[in-house]
Amino acid sequence: MKQYQAVSLFLAIALLGAARCQAVDIFVSPRGSDNADGSRARPFATLEQARDAIRHAKATDRYPSTGLVVQLAPGDYRRGAPFELGAEDSGKAGAPIIYRGAPGGVTRILGGRSFSLSEFAPVQDSAIRERLPREARDQVRQLDLKAHAINQYAPPPLYGSAVGLMAKFYKNAADRTKAVELFLDGEPMTLARWPNQEYARVAEVVEPGDVPRDWMPDRKGSPRYVPDNERPNPPHGFAIRENRERVCRWATAPDALLYGYWKLNWSDQSVDIAWFDAEQGIIRSRQPALYGVQKGQRFYIYHLLEELDAPGEWYLDRKSGILYIHPGPAGPEARVEISILDEPLIRVCGAAHLRIEDFHFELGRGKGIVVEDSRDIGLTNLRVANFGQNGIQVTGGQDNLVAGCEIRNTGMGGVSLAGGNLKTLTPANHEAVNNLIHDYGRIVQTYQPGIRLSGVGLRAAHNEIHSAPHAAILFSGNNHIIECNHLHHVVRESDDAAAIYAGRSWTSRGTVIRHNLLRELRGYQHGTHRVSGIYLDDGISETVIEGNIFLDVAQGVLINGGR
């Protein structure tokens, strides 16, 4: 991977092009057979069969000195489990194993099922029609998932960065970050909610509930600190008042949730609804808000059949297995896709000298691609879209590359790179270069960046990152390079945040942030002064910021502490 560190974009493309001239050794096709021989005329049907053929070639000392190429014909390859690559699947230095999508079409690796809209039927059940908004009853369509052998739905998802800090207060919290999602012609649909766009505001806090942030060790010595013997178990949720007529309509909803920025505009969180008081117009949460609740803060209520009234919304009755959608003007041939796989589509663990290139990875409840403790893995020219968590995650190992990829519509972040030794300052030399990352943070909307750098000696360069509720790049650790990136239209829902942010560590030193273009960063309200282009917070030290351009940014650089 060293060759990519100093070369221009054009030379990198030339190098990749030259690599792709290598002869293909093994062929795979959706119309192939695993009883075939993997030749162009008789291709395999699965990645596993190609992988196993390579293992056999290596075991019989027939691995060519130039490496091997596995080419997948255009088409859809649906996965019921991750494609696993381990140490035994490694190539050799200078002679890598390459998995590649064939030219002339789109090769899609999928973690879900697809249906045409024509397979959905009008809603006939009178009880269901009565629950639906009157104006949408004839527009909503339904599909019986159980009849299609789709039986694993997971509980309704819990959103927000605060959920991770409060996991012990949530039943099965870990399972509730990987819920089923829907996509209409490749674009994410929205769980039925009110209001349909933007947010409502907390009109009145009836009961504030507990504030678990004041239970944490760093609050000791503060008058707000609550010692163990004074904490209720379970903690008390909060109660807010809303329009009585609306609450009456929601009162029988079995599994509705609330989502909001309950106290601070950089901490988002979902809570289950314990019950509705229709007479008083009160909504009570099952869990508390991490920082408490404040009048005027933003929220919405979601996962209600009673609010399935806008094109692009959906609701799943988890008891019956009936899926309800509002397709709007979409025609009968529109494609409705359901994410099913809750593991990565590809997992590389302990391998070396591999290339994965020219694929579309789509649909999954978890991450798209995971690389762990591996060396010289190249992920190039990939489209990674419509996952519930991160698009690409690289952890540990050395000299791994994510280049020329588009990552979009992820529930959490785009690319996460972690590695290196913090004690010895040995760099990992992972890089994310020339990627387009956008429309991420759909589910967890704060602290889920386009690129995350964690550890020592990582590089993010020549990336375009845009259209997201929170940060473009978050970093922690030492000696990173963040250069020549174009960051715009991020931090759209937060304040006290930035396009490039790091905080809370005196030992995170040596990072260089240079020659980036940062533009149109205004926060959730135009002119919010605490939204910055670059923000070094709470002790971050010895960071070089030079040669960056700030255009239409609420605040260019904010340094809060550190040395």
Foldseek 3Di string as FASTA:
>chain_A
DVVPPPDDPVVVVVVVVVLVVDDADFEEECPADLVFDRDPVHHHHDPVSVQVVVLVCVVVVNADPQAHEYEYEADEDEDPAAAEAAASSADDVNRTYEYAYDPDHAHEYEQWDKDFLLQWAQDDDPVLLVLADVVCNRQKTKDQVVVVVAQDFFAAAKFWPVCVVVVVLDDVNVRRLQGKWKAWLQHTFAFQWPPPDWFDWQAFWPFFWDAQLLCDPVVPVPPSHDDPVRADVVTFATKTADDLVVLVSCQPFDWKKKWWPFDALQTITIFTWPGTDSVRRMTTTSHYDNGIGDGGTTMMMGQGSSRQDDARHKHADSVRSMIMHRNPPDDRRIMMIMADAADENYEYEHYERYEYERHEYEGHSHEHYEYEQYYHYEYAHYEFEHYSEEHYEYEEAAQYEYAHYEYAHYCFEYYEYEYEDQVVLGARAYEYAHYEYEHYNNGHQHPRANYEYEEHEYEYAHYEYEYGQAEHYEYFAEAYEYEHYEYEHYVQRGFLGENYEYEDDQSHANYEHAHYEYEHAAHVDRLRQRYEHYEYYHAREHYHYDHYHYYSHSYYYYYYDHD
